[in-house]
Amino acid sequence: MTVLIIGGSGFLGTELVRQGSSAGRATAATFRSRPGEQVGVPWHHLDLRDPVGLEAVLNAVAPSVVINASSGDADWAITAEGSMRLALAVREQRIRLVHVSSDAVFSGGQDLYDETSLPDPVTPYGAAKAAAETAVRLLADSGAVARTSLIIGHGRSSHERMVHALAAGRQEGALFTDDVRCPVHVDDLAASLWELARSEATGVFHLAGPDAVTRHELGVLIAERDGLDPSTLPSGRRADTNLTGGLRVVLDSRVTERHLGIRLRGAREFLRPDH
């Protein structure tokens, strides 16, 4: 079984490629700007806005499964249309697709979101991700959508880097005390996506940690792990800014964990100083 990781040079994609290669699985990956550093892995340039390029990569790799770990941010042409184009392409070639989505598809209007919850995005990024989810569910016959939350790990995530920059005074801003998410460790997320890819499960799955924490609480946990002074971290309320998006978005991953036989650690566990 050959697996193609789209977005293999990104934060999550790098870990997916590393785990696949380390386990001796036939793994190929794509990049948009520059290839990743994992040796022994075939790297292919791909822009999801280019249908000809996409077809060429799929033909060259001939994967059994594609894991779409690309972000694209709020670029509709990449995040929404590119994912739709991918869903159509894998359907034509009878390739299984695992699509990584985001808790940004939700507004925060519910106390808890499980796998049956319908998207109600309030940001351009969330809308693009919701459109991509719909395409995968309706077009990819053997498709799976995996929603996740803030991805943390090894000091390389954007949130960890921001905490260090704020603590050192290299960056202005604040960590919000009213913005709640369910962080997941990149190792756990990648391993879970591999389990999902190797299964025949279809539909929507949630892959987020069990601990619902504010961005400020998460920053304090990171600071304590890394020996920084948490009191140096500026705090604020996102409700007092003009930033859009749901304030409290809590993903319930318990059904997915039971279905796949996995365990996702919470932030309070994987960020313990002695962990």
Protein backbone atom coordinates (compact mmCIF):
# COMPACT_ATOMS: atom_id res chain seq x y z
CA MET A 1 0.00 0.00 0.00
CA THR A 2 1.48 3.32 -1.11
CA VAL A 3 0.32 6.44 0.73
CA LEU A 4 0.68 9.95 -0.67
CA ILE A 5 0.91 12.78 1.88
CA ILE A 6 -0.27 16.07 0.39
CA GLY A 7 1.33 18.94 2.27
CA GLY A 8 4.16 16.69 3.42
CA SER A 9 6.54 19.55 4.17
CA GLY A 10 4.17 21.24 6.65
CA PHE A 11 4.14 20.75 10.42
CA LEU A 12 1.66 17.87 10.44
CA GLY A 13 2.79 16.55 7.06
CA THR A 14 6.40 16.28 8.25
CA GLU A 15 5.34 14.02 11.13
CA LEU A 16 3.11 11.94 8.87
CA VAL A 17 6.02 11.40 6.49
CA ARG A 18 8.41 10.62 9.34
CA GLN A 19 6.09 8.03 10.89
CA GLY A 20 5.36 6.40 7.56
CA SER A 21 9.03 6.19 6.62
CA SER A 22 10.08 4.96 10.08
CA ALA A 23 7.49 2.18 9.93
CA GLY A 24 8.77 1.05 6.54
CA ARG A 25 5.55 2.04 4.77
CA ALA A 26 5.64 3.04 1.13
CA THR A 27 5.27 6.80 1.52
CA ALA A 28 5.45 9.65 -0.98
CA ALA A 29 4.82 13.33 -0.31
CA THR A 30 4.10 16.63 -2.00
CA PHE A 31 5.32 20.15 -1.35
CA ARG A 32 4.34 23.56 -2.67
CA SER A 33 7.39 25.71 -1.85
CA ARG A 34 10.24 23.32 -0.98
CA PRO A 35 10.52 19.59 -0.27
CA GLY A 36 10.83 18.19 3.23
CA GLU A 37 14.03 16.78 4.69
CA GLN A 38 12.98 13.13 5.15
CA VAL A 39 15.39 11.06 3.07
CA GLY A 40 14.25 8.02 1.12
CA VAL A 41 10.85 9.57 0.43
CA PRO A 42 9.89 10.64 -3.12
CA TRP A 43 8.93 14.33 -3.14
CA HIS A 44 6.66 15.83 -5.79
CA HIS A 45 5.84 19.50 -6.37
CA LEU A 46 2.09 20.11 -6.28
CA ASP A 47 -0.22 23.11 -6.33
CA LEU A 48 -3.80 21.99 -5.75
CA ARG A 49 -4.98 24.81 -8.02
CA ASP A 50 -3.41 22.96 -10.97
CA PRO A 51 -5.53 20.01 -12.18
CA VAL A 52 -2.91 18.88 -14.69
CA GLY A 53 -0.21 18.82 -12.02
CA LEU A 54 -2.48 16.92 -9.65
CA GLU A 55 -3.22 14.25 -12.24
CA ALA A 56 0.49 13.94 -13.03
CA VAL A 57 1.41 13.38 -9.36
CA LEU A 58 -1.33 10.78 -8.85
CA ASN A 59 -0.23 8.95 -11.98
CA ALA A 60 3.43 9.02 -10.96
CA VAL A 61 2.84 7.80 -7.39
CA ALA A 62 -0.16 5.50 -8.00
CA PRO A 63 -1.18 5.64 -4.32
CA SER A 64 -3.72 3.42 -2.61
CA VAL A 65 -4.46 6.19 -0.11
CA VAL A 66 -4.03 9.97 -0.11
CA ILE A 67 -3.85 11.93 3.14
CA ASN A 68 -4.54 15.61 2.50
CA ALA A 69 -2.70 17.43 5.28
CA SER A 70 -2.35 20.71 3.39
CA SER A 71 -3.64 23.91 4.93
CA GLY A 72 -4.06 26.61 2.32
CA ASP A 73 -5.37 28.89 5.07
CA ALA A 74 -8.27 31.06 3.83
CA ASP A 75 -7.25 30.80 0.16
CA TRP A 76 -10.49 29.51 -1.35
CA ALA A 77 -8.79 28.35 -4.54
CA ILE A 78 -6.52 26.00 -2.56
CA THR A 79 -8.46 25.05 0.57
CA ALA A 80 -11.92 24.67 -0.96
CA GLU A 81 -11.56 24.28 -4.73
CA GLY A 82 -8.27 22.39 -4.51
CA SER A 83 -9.78 19.88 -2.10
CA MET A 84 -12.81 19.48 -4.37
CA ARG A 85 -10.50 18.88 -7.33
CA LEU A 86 -8.63 16.26 -5.28
CA ALA A 87 -11.86 14.53 -4.25
CA LEU A 88 -12.90 14.24 -7.90
CA ALA A 89 -9.49 12.96 -8.96
CA VAL A 90 -9.28 10.21 -6.33
CA ARG A 91 -12.83 9.14 -7.12
CA GLU A 92 -11.92 8.67 -10.77
CA GLN A 93 -8.87 6.59 -9.84
CA ARG A 94 -10.56 4.70 -6.96
CA ILE A 95 -8.09 5.99 -4.39
CA ARG A 96 -8.99 6.24 -0.71
CA LEU A 97 -8.87 9.81 0.66
CA VAL A 98 -8.31 10.97 4.24
CA HIS A 99 -8.92 14.70 4.45
CA VAL A 100 -7.69 16.70 7.44
CA SER A 101 -10.19 19.36 8.46
CA SER A 102 -10.44 21.83 11.33
CA ASP A 103 -12.58 22.90 14.26
CA ALA A 104 -12.81 26.22 12.38
CA VAL A 105 -15.86 24.76 10.59
CA PHE A 106 -17.83 25.48 13.79
CA SER A 107 -19.11 28.77 15.21
CA GLY A 108 -18.77 27.91 18.89
CA GLY A 109 -22.52 28.13 19.43
CA GLN A 110 -22.73 24.63 20.92
CA ASP A 111 -21.21 23.42 24.19
CA LEU A 112 -19.76 20.33 22.50
CA TYR A 113 -19.31 19.18 18.90
CA ASP A 114 -19.32 15.49 18.03
CA GLU A 115 -18.90 13.79 14.69
CA THR A 116 -22.57 14.30 13.77
CA SER A 117 -22.43 18.08 14.21
CA LEU A 118 -22.97 20.05 11.02
CA PRO A 119 -20.57 22.85 10.06
CA ASP A 120 -21.66 26.44 10.71
CA PRO A 121 -18.49 28.44 9.97
CA VAL A 122 -18.13 32.14 10.71
CA THR A 123 -14.73 32.81 9.10
CA PRO A 124 -13.46 32.55 5.49
CA TYR A 125 -11.05 29.78 6.54
CA GLY A 126 -13.84 27.86 8.26
CA ALA A 127 -16.08 28.27 5.22
CA ALA A 128 -13.36 26.95 2.91
CA LYS A 129 -12.75 23.96 5.18
CA ALA A 130 -16.49 23.27 5.39
CA ALA A 131 -16.78 23.34 1.60
CA ALA A 132 -13.87 20.91 1.35
CA GLU A 133 -15.51 18.58 3.86
CA THR A 134 -18.70 18.54 1.80
CA ALA A 135 -16.78 17.71 -1.36
CA VAL A 136 -14.96 14.81 0.29
CA ARG A 137 -18.11 13.37 1.84
CA LEU A 138 -20.14 13.57 -1.37
CA LEU A 139 -17.53 12.93 -4.08
CA ALA A 140 -14.93 10.57 -2.58
CA ASP A 141 -16.61 7.17 -2.31
CA SER A 142 -14.15 5.88 0.29
CA GLY A 143 -13.36 9.26 1.84
CA ALA A 144 -12.86 10.12 5.50
CA VAL A 145 -12.89 13.61 7.03
CA ALA A 146 -10.77 14.07 10.17
CA ARG A 147 -11.42 17.26 12.11
CA THR A 148 -8.77 18.40 14.53
CA SER A 149 -7.88 21.39 16.72
CA LEU A 150 -4.67 23.24 17.68
CA ILE A 151 -1.70 21.03 16.80
CA ILE A 152 1.19 21.17 19.29
CA GLY A 153 4.51 19.39 19.61
CA HIS A 154 8.30 19.48 19.91
CA GLY A 155 8.38 23.29 20.14
CA ARG A 156 7.79 23.59 16.39
CA SER A 157 4.11 24.58 16.29
CA SER A 158 3.11 28.18 15.67
CA HIS A 159 1.58 28.46 19.14
CA GLU A 160 4.72 27.20 20.88
CA ARG A 161 6.90 29.59 18.88
CA MET A 162 4.55 32.47 19.72
CA VAL A 163 4.71 31.69 23.45
CA HIS A 164 8.51 31.87 23.34
CA ALA A 165 8.42 35.11 21.35
CA LEU A 166 5.93 36.71 23.75
CA ALA A 167 7.90 35.60 26.81
CA ALA A 168 11.10 37.06 25.33
CA GLY A 169 9.42 40.31 24.30
CA ARG A 170 10.15 39.69 20.62
CA GLN A 171 6.48 39.82 19.66
CA GLU A 172 3.56 41.99 20.62
CA GLY A 173 0.14 40.56 21.33
CA ALA A 174 -1.74 38.55 23.93
CA LEU A 175 -2.88 35.03 24.69
CA PHE A 176 -6.65 35.02 24.97
CA THR A 177 -8.36 33.88 28.14
CA ASP A 178 -11.74 33.35 26.44
CA ASP A 179 -10.63 31.41 23.32
CA VAL A 180 -11.05 27.68 24.05
CA ARG A 181 -9.82 24.78 21.94
CA CYS A 182 -8.81 21.12 22.40
CA PRO A 183 -5.09 20.88 21.54
CA VAL A 184 -3.66 17.64 20.18
CA HIS A 185 -0.06 16.48 20.01
CA VAL A 186 1.26 16.21 16.46
CA ASP A 187 2.60 12.69 17.17
CA ASP A 188 -0.83 11.48 18.34
CA LEU A 189 -2.61 13.13 15.44
CA ALA A 190 -0.27 11.70 12.81
CA ALA A 191 -0.46 8.21 14.30
CA SER A 192 -4.26 8.42 14.38
CA LEU A 193 -4.39 9.57 10.76
CA TRP A 194 -2.24 6.59 9.78
CA GLU A 195 -4.68 4.28 11.60
CA LEU A 196 -7.56 5.93 9.76
CA ALA A 197 -5.74 5.67 6.43
CA ARG A 198 -5.08 1.96 6.92
CA SER A 199 -8.70 1.27 7.87
CA GLU A 200 -11.74 1.20 5.62
CA ALA A 201 -13.67 3.65 7.80
CA THR A 202 -15.56 6.41 6.02
CA GLY A 203 -17.42 9.49 7.19
CA VAL A 204 -16.47 12.16 9.73
CA PHE A 205 -14.02 11.64 12.59
CA HIS A 206 -12.77 13.88 15.40
CA LEU A 207 -9.10 13.81 16.37
CA ALA A 208 -8.59 16.35 19.15
CA GLY A 209 -7.33 16.14 22.71
CA PRO A 210 -9.72 15.72 25.65
CA ASP A 211 -8.60 18.87 27.50
CA ALA A 212 -10.50 22.06 26.61
CA VAL A 213 -8.14 24.93 27.47
CA THR A 214 -7.88 28.61 26.65
CA ARG A 215 -5.02 29.84 24.54
CA HIS A 216 -3.60 31.51 27.64
CA GLU A 217 -3.84 28.29 29.67
CA LEU A 218 -2.11 26.50 26.83
CA GLY A 219 0.60 29.16 26.81
CA VAL A 220 1.18 28.70 30.55
CA LEU A 221 1.51 24.93 30.09
CA ILE A 222 4.05 25.46 27.32
CA ALA A 223 5.99 27.98 29.41
CA GLU A 224 6.13 25.65 32.41
CA ARG A 225 7.32 22.77 30.24
CA ASP A 226 10.04 24.86 28.67
CA GLY A 227 11.24 26.58 31.86
CA LEU A 228 9.83 30.00 30.98
CA ASP A 229 8.19 32.40 33.44
CA PRO A 230 4.41 32.19 32.82
CA SER A 231 3.93 35.63 34.39
CA THR A 232 5.69 37.17 31.38
CA LEU A 233 2.89 36.03 29.05
CA PRO A 234 0.47 38.87 28.25
CA SER A 235 -3.21 37.98 28.41
CA GLY A 236 -6.35 39.46 26.92
CA ARG A 237 -9.87 38.71 25.74
CA ARG A 238 -10.59 37.99 22.11
CA ALA A 239 -14.11 39.28 22.69
CA ASP A 240 -12.56 42.72 23.15
CA THR A 241 -10.96 42.61 19.68
CA ASN A 242 -12.36 42.71 16.17
CA LEU A 243 -11.12 39.19 15.40
CA THR A 244 -13.76 36.81 14.07
CA GLY A 245 -14.30 33.13 14.80
CA GLY A 246 -15.86 30.96 17.47
CA LEU A 247 -14.67 31.60 21.00
CA ARG A 248 -15.30 28.17 22.53
CA VAL A 249 -15.07 25.25 20.12
CA VAL A 250 -14.80 21.90 21.91
CA LEU A 251 -14.50 18.75 19.81
CA ASP A 252 -15.67 15.46 21.31
CA SER A 253 -13.41 12.69 19.97
CA ARG A 254 -14.60 9.80 22.14
CA VAL A 255 -16.57 8.00 19.42
CA THR A 256 -13.63 8.19 17.01
CA GLU A 257 -11.19 6.95 19.66
CA ARG A 258 -13.36 3.90 20.36
CA HIS A 259 -13.88 3.23 16.66
CA LEU A 260 -10.18 3.38 15.77
CA GLY A 261 -8.87 1.94 19.05
CA ILE A 262 -6.65 4.95 19.76
CA ARG A 263 -5.99 7.29 22.68
CA LEU A 264 -5.42 11.00 22.21
CA ARG A 265 -3.59 12.71 25.06
CA GLY A 266 -4.77 16.03 26.47
CA ALA A 267 -2.60 19.14 26.70
CA ARG A 268 -2.23 18.83 30.47
CA GLU A 269 -0.69 15.39 29.94
CA PHE A 270 1.59 15.89 26.95
CA LEU A 271 2.83 19.28 28.19
CA ARG A 272 3.78 18.12 31.70
CA PRO A 273 7.35 19.25 32.45
CA ASP A 274 8.38 15.68 33.30
CA HIS A 275 6.66 14.12 30.28
